[in-house]
Amino acid sequence: MHPGSLRCSSLAYDEYAALLAPRDPGASAFSVRAVGAGGFALFALASAACAGADDLTGLLIARCMQALGAAAGLATVFDLLGG
């Protein structure tokens, strides 16, 4: 595996998390708990997809889905802890 491909995967994860973590727009339209639970469920499913990825493209797609799930989950966790 090329070292640059791992860096791209990590950058994609960080960028999605940085964009969505400050405030999750879905949390205002839906229950904060529902968005958080959905985010963590997406993260868990994407983690399984990462483990079963056959090629780099599949791994990168699964890592991006992980980032979306983590960002949604973490953004709502802060709301749940704060209130």
C-alpha atoms as a PDB file:
ATOM      1  CA  MET A   1       0.000   0.000   0.000  1.00  0.00           C
ATOM      2  CA  HIS A   2       1.282   3.435  -0.902  1.00  0.00           C
ATOM      3  CA  PRO A   3       1.943   5.699   2.139  1.00  0.00           C
ATOM      4  CA  GLY A   4       0.273   8.627   0.381  1.00  0.00           C
ATOM      5  CA  SER A   5      -3.013   6.726   0.209  1.00  0.00           C
ATOM      6  CA  LEU A   6      -3.123   6.424   3.999  1.00  0.00           C
ATOM      7  CA  ARG A   7      -2.534  10.146   4.288  1.00  0.00           C
ATOM      8  CA  CYS A   8      -5.471  10.824   1.927  1.00  0.00           C
ATOM      9  CA  SER A   9      -7.703   8.587   4.004  1.00  0.00           C
ATOM     10  CA  SER A  10      -6.703  10.378   7.190  1.00  0.00           C
ATOM     11  CA  LEU A  11      -7.172  13.807   5.590  1.00  0.00           C
ATOM     12  CA  ALA A  12     -10.646  12.893   4.343  1.00  0.00           C
ATOM     13  CA  TYR A  13     -11.601  11.738   7.831  1.00  0.00           C
ATOM     14  CA  ASP A  14     -10.315  14.938   9.447  1.00  0.00           C
ATOM     15  CA  GLU A  15     -11.975  17.205   6.897  1.00  0.00           C
ATOM     16  CA  TYR A  16     -15.418  15.647   7.269  1.00  0.00           C
ATOM     17  CA  ALA A  17     -15.140  15.712  11.050  1.00  0.00           C
ATOM     18  CA  ALA A  18     -13.974  19.341  11.047  1.00  0.00           C
ATOM     19  CA  LEU A  19     -16.823  20.419   8.786  1.00  0.00           C
ATOM     20  CA  LEU A  20     -19.595  18.652  10.670  1.00  0.00           C
ATOM     21  CA  ALA A  21     -18.432  18.647  14.294  1.00  0.00           C
ATOM     22  CA  PRO A  22     -18.995  22.333  15.171  1.00  0.00           C
ATOM     23  CA  ARG A  23     -22.754  22.053  14.700  1.00  0.00           C
ATOM     24  CA  ASP A  24     -24.690  19.208  13.185  1.00  0.00           C
ATOM     25  CA  PRO A  25     -27.502  20.660  11.033  1.00  0.00           C
ATOM     26  CA  GLY A  26     -29.469  17.423  11.223  1.00  0.00           C
ATOM     27  CA  ALA A  27     -29.728  17.636  14.997  1.00  0.00           C
ATOM     28  CA  SER A  28     -32.041  20.649  14.801  1.00  0.00           C
ATOM     29  CA  ALA A  29     -34.439  18.893  12.408  1.00  0.00           C
ATOM     30  CA  PHE A  30     -34.440  15.581  14.287  1.00  0.00           C
ATOM     31  CA  SER A  31     -34.005  14.476  17.865  1.00  0.00           C
ATOM     32  CA  VAL A  32     -30.446  14.968  19.100  1.00  0.00           C
ATOM     33  CA  ARG A  33     -30.451  11.412  20.408  1.00  0.00           C
ATOM     34  CA  ALA A  34     -31.647  10.019  17.070  1.00  0.00           C
ATOM     35  CA  VAL A  35     -28.914  11.832  15.132  1.00  0.00           C
ATOM     36  CA  GLY A  36     -26.284  10.710  17.636  1.00  0.00           C
ATOM     37  CA  ALA A  37     -27.443   7.104  17.571  1.00  0.00           C
ATOM     38  CA  GLY A  38     -27.569   7.157  13.778  1.00  0.00           C
ATOM     39  CA  GLY A  39     -24.085   8.625  13.636  1.00  0.00           C
ATOM     40  CA  PHE A  40     -22.629   5.968  15.886  1.00  0.00           C
ATOM     41  CA  ALA A  41     -24.486   3.224  13.985  1.00  0.00           C
ATOM     42  CA  LEU A  42     -23.092   4.546  10.700  1.00  0.00           C
ATOM     43  CA  PHE A  43     -19.621   4.620  12.247  1.00  0.00           C
ATOM     44  CA  ALA A  44     -19.950   0.997  13.387  1.00  0.00           C
ATOM     45  CA  LEU A  45     -21.193  -0.209   9.981  1.00  0.00           C
ATOM     46  CA  ALA A  46     -18.466   1.731   8.180  1.00  0.00           C
ATOM     47  CA  SER A  47     -15.865   0.194  10.512  1.00  0.00           C
ATOM     48  CA  ALA A  48     -17.053  -3.250   9.476  1.00  0.00           C
ATOM     49  CA  ALA A  49     -16.874  -2.159   5.835  1.00  0.00           C
ATOM     50  CA  CYS A  50     -13.279  -1.004   6.408  1.00  0.00           C
ATOM     51  CA  ALA A  51     -12.388  -4.419   7.800  1.00  0.00           C
ATOM     52  CA  GLY A  52     -13.885  -6.126   4.748  1.00  0.00           C
ATOM     53  CA  ALA A  53     -12.596  -3.743   2.090  1.00  0.00           C
ATOM     54  CA  ASP A  54     -10.932  -5.545  -0.796  1.00  0.00           C
ATOM     55  CA  ASP A  55      -9.237  -2.572  -2.397  1.00  0.00           C
ATOM     56  CA  LEU A  56      -8.132   0.955  -1.652  1.00  0.00           C
ATOM     57  CA  THR A  57     -11.197   2.569  -3.208  1.00  0.00           C
ATOM     58  CA  GLY A  58     -13.534   0.576  -0.982  1.00  0.00           C
ATOM     59  CA  LEU A  59     -11.430   1.432   2.047  1.00  0.00           C
ATOM     60  CA  LEU A  60     -11.467   5.157   1.264  1.00  0.00           C
ATOM     61  CA  ILE A  61     -15.238   5.172   0.766  1.00  0.00           C
ATOM     62  CA  ALA A  62     -15.743   3.323   4.047  1.00  0.00           C
ATOM     63  CA  ARG A  63     -13.365   5.720   5.842  1.00  0.00           C
ATOM     64  CA  CYS A  64     -15.354   8.705   4.563  1.00  0.00           C
ATOM     65  CA  MET A  65     -18.550   7.084   5.854  1.00  0.00           C
ATOM     66  CA  GLN A  66     -16.775   6.576   9.179  1.00  0.00           C
ATOM     67  CA  ALA A  67     -15.962  10.272   9.275  1.00  0.00           C
ATOM     68  CA  LEU A  68     -19.565  11.255   8.630  1.00  0.00           C
ATOM     69  CA  GLY A  69     -20.807   8.952  11.366  1.00  0.00           C
ATOM     70  CA  ALA A  70     -18.193  10.112  13.856  1.00  0.00           C
ATOM     71  CA  ALA A  71     -18.851  13.772  13.140  1.00  0.00           C
ATOM     72  CA  ALA A  72     -22.613  13.374  13.583  1.00  0.00           C
ATOM     73  CA  GLY A  73     -22.138  11.357  16.752  1.00  0.00           C
ATOM     74  CA  LEU A  74     -19.597  13.686  18.314  1.00  0.00           C
ATOM     75  CA  ALA A  75     -21.523  16.848  17.495  1.00  0.00           C
ATOM     76  CA  THR A  76     -24.591  15.521  19.253  1.00  0.00           C
ATOM     77  CA  VAL A  77     -22.642  14.145  22.222  1.00  0.00           C
ATOM     78  CA  PHE A  78     -21.572  17.677  23.094  1.00  0.00           C
ATOM     79  CA  ASP A  79     -25.209  18.800  22.994  1.00  0.00           C
ATOM     80  CA  LEU A  80     -26.274  15.884  25.188  1.00  0.00           C
ATOM     81  CA  LEU A  81     -23.544  16.547  27.735  1.00  0.00           C
ATOM     82  CA  GLY A  82     -24.256  20.269  27.791  1.00  0.00           C
ATOM     83  CA  GLY A  83     -27.986  19.988  28.332  1.00  0.00           C
END
